Each structure stands twice: as structure tokens, then as C-alpha cells.
Amino acid sequence: MADPDRLDTVLEQVGDVALVYWLLGSAAGEPEALETIHGSRLELLLRHLVDTPVRGFVYEAAEDGQLGDASHGAAIVRDAAERWRIPVEVVDVPPARLDAWRDAMVGAAERLTSS
């Protein structure tokens, strides 16, 4: 099982993966841990994905207010897209709106795989 606190467990899973979804926008926990998951850990993961077969990255930016400002993680993702030419999508639909969230996630996959 992949653990966002141990990126090696995430990277072990991407050998035959076209898209990676970082669905931690509504994650709960200690503020420091959440900041790491949406900050330095996210940036390190994106840096390592450059040397994998992954062809796109979807970031769940919707959050429940506990994280504070999800725009920081979204900015990291957009910067990685520009710097390393990683195709990305940022989804800001909250998971609580299940139908809209699912449509947004499917749409993200369709856009990333059709480009």
C-alpha cells in the first residue's frame, strides 16, 4: 500500500501507471503533516515522477478547511508542469459533492490521456 509519508512506497507503484491521482485534498490530521503532504512531499514526488512512465498527474485541491490554503499545493503542481513538462490537472471540486467530484476526476483523466 502506498503511504504519502513514505514516497518510496508511492514510487514503487508507478511502473505501469499512466496517471497518478494525489487525492489528499480532504485529508485530516496534524497541520504540520498536512502542510508536508501538500508541500515538500508533493514537490519531491513530482520531481521523481519525471523519471517514470507516468504521463499525467491529477491533484485534488478541494479541502475541508483544515488544510487552510490548498492553493499552495496547486501552485507546486502547476510549477512542476511548467518546469518538467508534466501534464497536470488540478481539481477543486470537494469530494462531498460526489457526482460533480467524480465527473471532474474522470474529465481530468480524459484530458490528460487525449493530449
N, C-alpha and C. Protein backbone atom coordinates (compact mmCIF):
# COMPACT_ATOMS: atom_id res chain seq x y z
N MET A 1 0.84 -1.17 0.00
CA MET A 1 0.00 0.00 0.00
C MET A 1 0.89 1.25 0.00
N ALA A 2 0.53 2.21 -0.80
CA ALA A 2 1.28 3.45 -0.88
C ALA A 2 0.97 4.34 0.31
N ASP A 3 2.02 4.94 0.86
CA ASP A 3 1.91 5.83 2.01
C ASP A 3 2.53 7.17 1.64
N PRO A 4 1.75 8.26 1.62
CA PRO A 4 2.30 9.55 1.21
C PRO A 4 3.43 10.05 2.11
N ASP A 5 3.55 9.49 3.31
CA ASP A 5 4.66 9.86 4.18
C ASP A 5 5.94 9.12 3.82
N ARG A 6 5.82 8.10 2.99
CA ARG A 6 6.99 7.33 2.53
C ARG A 6 6.91 7.25 1.01
N LEU A 7 7.52 8.22 0.35
CA LEU A 7 7.38 8.33 -1.11
C LEU A 7 7.88 7.10 -1.85
N ASP A 8 8.83 6.37 -1.28
CA ASP A 8 9.29 5.16 -1.95
C ASP A 8 8.14 4.17 -2.15
N THR A 9 7.18 4.14 -1.22
CA THR A 9 6.04 3.24 -1.37
C THR A 9 5.11 3.70 -2.48
N VAL A 10 5.08 4.99 -2.75
CA VAL A 10 4.28 5.53 -3.85
C VAL A 10 5.00 5.25 -5.17
N LEU A 11 6.28 5.54 -5.22
CA LEU A 11 7.05 5.38 -6.45
C LEU A 11 7.16 3.92 -6.88
N GLU A 12 7.10 2.99 -5.92
CA GLU A 12 7.11 1.55 -6.25
C GLU A 12 5.90 1.17 -7.10
N GLN A 13 4.83 1.93 -6.99
CA GLN A 13 3.57 1.59 -7.64
C GLN A 13 3.40 2.18 -9.03
N VAL A 14 4.31 3.03 -9.49
CA VAL A 14 4.07 3.77 -10.73
C VAL A 14 4.71 3.16 -11.97
N GLY A 15 5.30 1.99 -11.87
CA GLY A 15 5.97 1.38 -13.00
C GLY A 15 5.08 1.16 -14.21
N ASP A 16 3.83 0.81 -14.00
CA ASP A 16 2.89 0.55 -15.09
C ASP A 16 1.67 1.46 -15.02
N VAL A 17 1.89 2.68 -14.56
CA VAL A 17 0.80 3.62 -14.33
C VAL A 17 0.91 4.79 -15.29
N ALA A 18 -0.19 5.15 -15.91
CA ALA A 18 -0.19 6.30 -16.81
C ALA A 18 -0.52 7.60 -16.07
N LEU A 19 -1.44 7.53 -15.10
CA LEU A 19 -1.86 8.71 -14.36
C LEU A 19 -1.73 8.48 -12.86
N VAL A 20 -1.27 9.51 -12.16
CA VAL A 20 -1.23 9.47 -10.70
C VAL A 20 -2.23 10.50 -10.18
N TYR A 21 -3.07 10.06 -9.26
CA TYR A 21 -4.02 10.94 -8.59
C TYR A 21 -3.53 11.16 -7.16
N TRP A 22 -3.35 12.41 -6.75
CA TRP A 22 -2.97 12.77 -5.38
C TRP A 22 -4.25 13.25 -4.70
N LEU A 23 -5.03 12.29 -4.18
CA LEU A 23 -6.36 12.57 -3.65
C LEU A 23 -6.29 12.79 -2.14
N LEU A 24 -5.61 13.83 -1.75
CA LEU A 24 -5.43 14.12 -0.33
C LEU A 24 -5.93 15.50 0.03
N GLY A 25 -6.73 16.10 -0.83
CA GLY A 25 -7.24 17.44 -0.57
C GLY A 25 -8.11 17.53 0.66
N SER A 26 -8.82 16.47 0.97
CA SER A 26 -9.69 16.49 2.14
C SER A 26 -9.11 15.64 3.27
N ALA A 27 -7.81 15.34 3.20
CA ALA A 27 -7.17 14.55 4.26
C ALA A 27 -7.22 15.31 5.58
N ALA A 28 -7.35 14.56 6.66
CA ALA A 28 -7.37 15.15 8.01
C ALA A 28 -6.11 14.73 8.74
N GLY A 29 -5.72 15.51 9.72
CA GLY A 29 -4.55 15.17 10.51
C GLY A 29 -3.92 16.41 11.12
N GLU A 30 -2.73 16.22 11.61
CA GLU A 30 -1.98 17.33 12.21
C GLU A 30 -1.64 18.36 11.14
N PRO A 31 -1.74 19.64 11.45
CA PRO A 31 -1.45 20.67 10.46
C PRO A 31 -0.08 20.54 9.81
N GLU A 32 0.95 20.19 10.59
CA GLU A 32 2.29 20.04 10.02
C GLU A 32 2.34 18.91 9.00
N ALA A 33 1.68 17.80 9.30
CA ALA A 33 1.66 16.66 8.38
C ALA A 33 0.93 17.03 7.10
N LEU A 34 -0.18 17.75 7.22
CA LEU A 34 -0.93 18.17 6.04
C LEU A 34 -0.12 19.14 5.19
N GLU A 35 0.58 20.06 5.83
CA GLU A 35 1.41 21.00 5.09
C GLU A 35 2.51 20.27 4.34
N THR A 36 3.07 19.23 4.93
CA THR A 36 4.12 18.45 4.28
C THR A 36 3.57 17.70 3.07
N ILE A 37 2.40 17.07 3.24
CA ILE A 37 1.79 16.31 2.15
C ILE A 37 1.46 17.20 0.96
N HIS A 38 1.07 18.43 1.23
CA HIS A 38 0.70 19.36 0.16
C HIS A 38 1.82 20.35 -0.16
N GLY A 39 2.98 20.10 0.39
CA GLY A 39 4.12 20.99 0.17
C GLY A 39 5.35 20.22 -0.28
N SER A 40 6.27 20.05 0.63
CA SER A 40 7.57 19.45 0.27
C SER A 40 7.44 18.00 -0.23
N ARG A 41 6.54 17.22 0.36
CA ARG A 41 6.37 15.83 -0.08
C ARG A 41 5.81 15.78 -1.49
N LEU A 42 4.84 16.63 -1.77
CA LEU A 42 4.26 16.72 -3.10
C LEU A 42 5.31 17.13 -4.13
N GLU A 43 6.10 18.14 -3.80
CA GLU A 43 7.13 18.61 -4.72
C GLU A 43 8.17 17.52 -5.00
N LEU A 44 8.57 16.79 -3.97
CA LEU A 44 9.54 15.71 -4.15
C LEU A 44 8.97 14.60 -5.03
N LEU A 45 7.71 14.24 -4.80
CA LEU A 45 7.07 13.23 -5.63
C LEU A 45 7.08 13.65 -7.10
N LEU A 46 6.67 14.86 -7.36
CA LEU A 46 6.63 15.35 -8.74
C LEU A 46 8.01 15.32 -9.38
N ARG A 47 9.02 15.67 -8.62
CA ARG A 47 10.40 15.63 -9.13
C ARG A 47 10.79 14.20 -9.53
N HIS A 48 10.39 13.23 -8.71
CA HIS A 48 10.72 11.82 -9.01
C HIS A 48 9.89 11.24 -10.14
N LEU A 49 8.68 11.75 -10.35
CA LEU A 49 7.83 11.23 -11.42
C LEU A 49 8.39 11.52 -12.81
N VAL A 50 9.28 12.49 -12.91
CA VAL A 50 9.87 12.83 -14.20
C VAL A 50 10.56 11.62 -14.82
N ASP A 51 11.17 10.77 -14.00
CA ASP A 51 11.92 9.61 -14.48
C ASP A 51 11.11 8.32 -14.45
N THR A 52 9.79 8.43 -14.59
CA THR A 52 8.92 7.25 -14.59
C THR A 52 8.05 7.28 -15.84
N PRO A 53 7.31 6.21 -16.09
CA PRO A 53 6.40 6.19 -17.24
C PRO A 53 5.12 7.00 -17.04
N VAL A 54 4.93 7.62 -15.89
CA VAL A 54 3.72 8.38 -15.62
C VAL A 54 3.58 9.50 -16.64
N ARG A 55 2.38 9.61 -17.20
CA ARG A 55 2.12 10.59 -18.27
C ARG A 55 1.24 11.75 -17.83
N GLY A 56 0.76 11.73 -16.58
CA GLY A 56 -0.07 12.81 -16.11
C GLY A 56 -0.29 12.72 -14.61
N PHE A 57 -0.62 13.87 -14.02
CA PHE A 57 -0.78 13.96 -12.57
C PHE A 57 -2.04 14.77 -12.27
N VAL A 58 -2.91 14.23 -11.41
CA VAL A 58 -4.13 14.93 -11.01
C VAL A 58 -4.03 15.24 -9.52
N TYR A 59 -4.18 16.51 -9.19
CA TYR A 59 -4.08 16.97 -7.81
C TYR A 59 -5.46 17.40 -7.32
N GLU A 60 -5.88 16.83 -6.20
CA GLU A 60 -7.15 17.20 -5.59
C GLU A 60 -6.91 18.39 -4.67
N ALA A 61 -7.34 19.56 -5.11
CA ALA A 61 -7.11 20.79 -4.35
C ALA A 61 -8.27 21.14 -3.43
N ALA A 62 -9.39 20.47 -3.55
CA ALA A 62 -10.53 20.75 -2.68
C ALA A 62 -10.18 20.30 -1.28
N GLU A 63 -10.49 21.13 -0.32
CA GLU A 63 -10.19 20.76 1.05
C GLU A 63 -11.32 21.18 1.97
N ASP A 64 -11.31 20.64 3.17
CA ASP A 64 -12.42 20.87 4.10
C ASP A 64 -12.16 22.03 5.06
N GLY A 65 -11.17 22.83 4.80
CA GLY A 65 -10.87 23.96 5.66
C GLY A 65 -9.78 23.68 6.66
N GLN A 66 -9.48 22.40 6.92
CA GLN A 66 -8.45 22.08 7.90
C GLN A 66 -7.06 22.41 7.36
N LEU A 67 -6.84 22.20 6.09
CA LEU A 67 -5.54 22.46 5.50
C LEU A 67 -5.25 23.95 5.45
N GLY A 68 -6.23 24.75 5.23
CA GLY A 68 -6.03 26.18 5.13
C GLY A 68 -6.10 26.63 3.69
N ASP A 69 -4.95 26.70 3.02
CA ASP A 69 -4.90 27.24 1.67
C ASP A 69 -4.38 26.17 0.71
N ALA A 70 -5.27 25.51 0.01
CA ALA A 70 -4.89 24.45 -0.93
C ALA A 70 -4.21 25.02 -2.16
N SER A 71 -4.22 26.33 -2.31
CA SER A 71 -3.60 26.93 -3.49
C SER A 71 -2.09 26.72 -3.49
N HIS A 72 -1.48 26.50 -2.32
CA HIS A 72 -0.04 26.25 -2.26
C HIS A 72 0.30 24.96 -3.00
N GLY A 73 -0.42 23.89 -2.73
CA GLY A 73 -0.18 22.62 -3.42
C GLY A 73 -0.48 22.73 -4.90
N ALA A 74 -1.55 23.43 -5.24
CA ALA A 74 -1.89 23.62 -6.65
C ALA A 74 -0.79 24.40 -7.36
N ALA A 75 -0.20 25.37 -6.69
CA ALA A 75 0.90 26.14 -7.29
C ALA A 75 2.12 25.25 -7.52
N ILE A 76 2.40 24.35 -6.60
CA ILE A 76 3.52 23.41 -6.76
C ILE A 76 3.28 22.53 -7.98
N VAL A 77 2.05 22.04 -8.13
CA VAL A 77 1.71 21.17 -9.26
C VAL A 77 1.83 21.93 -10.58
N ARG A 78 1.32 23.13 -10.62
CA ARG A 78 1.41 23.92 -11.86
C ARG A 78 2.86 24.28 -12.19
N ASP A 79 3.66 24.56 -11.17
CA ASP A 79 5.08 24.85 -11.38
C ASP A 79 5.79 23.62 -11.95
N ALA A 80 5.48 22.44 -11.43
CA ALA A 80 6.08 21.20 -11.94
C ALA A 80 5.69 20.98 -13.40
N ALA A 81 4.46 21.31 -13.74
CA ALA A 81 4.01 21.15 -15.12
C ALA A 81 4.84 22.03 -16.04
N GLU A 82 5.11 23.23 -15.61
CA GLU A 82 5.90 24.15 -16.43
C GLU A 82 7.37 23.76 -16.46
N ARG A 83 7.92 23.44 -15.30
CA ARG A 83 9.35 23.13 -15.19
C ARG A 83 9.72 21.82 -15.87
N TRP A 84 8.96 20.76 -15.60
CA TRP A 84 9.33 19.43 -16.08
C TRP A 84 8.40 18.92 -17.18
N ARG A 85 7.52 19.75 -17.66
CA ARG A 85 6.61 19.38 -18.74
C ARG A 85 5.75 18.17 -18.38
N ILE A 86 5.33 18.12 -17.12
CA ILE A 86 4.43 17.06 -16.66
C ILE A 86 3.00 17.54 -16.92
N PRO A 87 2.21 16.82 -17.69
CA PRO A 87 0.81 17.20 -17.86
C PRO A 87 0.07 17.05 -16.53
N VAL A 88 -0.63 18.08 -16.11
CA VAL A 88 -1.33 18.06 -14.83
C VAL A 88 -2.75 18.58 -14.97
N GLU A 89 -3.55 18.21 -14.00
CA GLU A 89 -4.90 18.75 -13.81
C GLU A 89 -5.05 19.02 -12.32
N VAL A 90 -5.64 20.14 -11.97
CA VAL A 90 -5.96 20.48 -10.58
C VAL A 90 -7.47 20.49 -10.46
N VAL A 91 -7.99 19.63 -9.58
CA VAL A 91 -9.44 19.51 -9.38
C VAL A 91 -9.78 20.12 -8.02
N ASP A 92 -10.66 21.11 -8.04
CA ASP A 92 -11.02 21.77 -6.79
C ASP A 92 -12.47 21.51 -6.37
N VAL A 93 -13.07 20.48 -6.91
CA VAL A 93 -14.43 20.10 -6.52
C VAL A 93 -14.33 19.24 -5.25
N PRO A 94 -15.05 19.59 -4.19
CA PRO A 94 -14.97 18.81 -2.95
C PRO A 94 -15.55 17.41 -3.12
N PRO A 95 -14.91 16.40 -2.51
CA PRO A 95 -15.41 15.03 -2.59
C PRO A 95 -16.82 14.87 -2.04
N ALA A 96 -17.24 15.78 -1.16
CA ALA A 96 -18.60 15.70 -0.61
C ALA A 96 -19.66 15.88 -1.70
N ARG A 97 -19.29 16.52 -2.79
CA ARG A 97 -20.19 16.66 -3.94
C ARG A 97 -19.86 15.52 -4.90
N LEU A 98 -20.17 14.31 -4.50
CA LEU A 98 -19.69 13.10 -5.15
C LEU A 98 -19.86 13.06 -6.66
N ASP A 99 -21.05 13.35 -7.16
CA ASP A 99 -21.27 13.28 -8.61
C ASP A 99 -20.40 14.28 -9.35
N ALA A 100 -20.34 15.51 -8.87
CA ALA A 100 -19.52 16.53 -9.52
C ALA A 100 -18.03 16.20 -9.39
N TRP A 101 -17.64 15.69 -8.22
CA TRP A 101 -16.24 15.30 -7.99
C TRP A 101 -15.83 14.19 -8.96
N ARG A 102 -16.67 13.16 -9.06
CA ARG A 102 -16.38 12.04 -9.96
C ARG A 102 -16.29 12.53 -11.41
N ASP A 103 -17.21 13.38 -11.83
CA ASP A 103 -17.17 13.92 -13.19
C ASP A 103 -15.89 14.72 -13.42
N ALA A 104 -15.48 15.50 -12.42
CA ALA A 104 -14.25 16.29 -12.55
C ALA A 104 -13.02 15.38 -12.64
N MET A 105 -13.00 14.31 -11.87
CA MET A 105 -11.86 13.40 -11.90
C MET A 105 -11.79 12.62 -13.23
N VAL A 106 -12.93 12.17 -13.70
CA VAL A 106 -12.98 11.48 -15.00
C VAL A 106 -12.58 12.45 -16.11
N GLY A 107 -13.09 13.66 -16.06
CA GLY A 107 -12.73 14.67 -17.05
C GLY A 107 -11.24 14.95 -17.06
N ALA A 108 -10.64 15.01 -15.88
CA ALA A 108 -9.19 15.22 -15.79
C ALA A 108 -8.44 14.09 -16.49
N ALA A 109 -8.86 12.86 -16.25
CA ALA A 109 -8.21 11.71 -16.88
C ALA A 109 -8.38 11.77 -18.40
N GLU A 110 -9.56 12.11 -18.85
CA GLU A 110 -9.81 12.19 -20.29
C GLU A 110 -8.94 13.25 -20.95
N ARG A 111 -8.81 14.41 -20.31
CA ARG A 111 -7.97 15.47 -20.88
C ARG A 111 -6.50 15.06 -20.91
N LEU A 112 -6.05 14.43 -19.85
CA LEU A 112 -4.63 14.04 -19.77
C LEU A 112 -4.27 12.92 -20.74
N THR A 113 -5.21 12.03 -20.97
CA THR A 113 -4.90 10.90 -21.86
C THR A 113 -5.16 11.21 -23.32
N SER A 114 -5.85 12.29 -23.60
CA SER A 114 -6.12 12.63 -25.01
C SER A 114 -5.10 13.61 -25.58
N SER A 115 -4.23 14.12 -24.71
CA SER A 115 -3.25 15.11 -25.22
C SER A 115 -1.98 14.46 -25.68
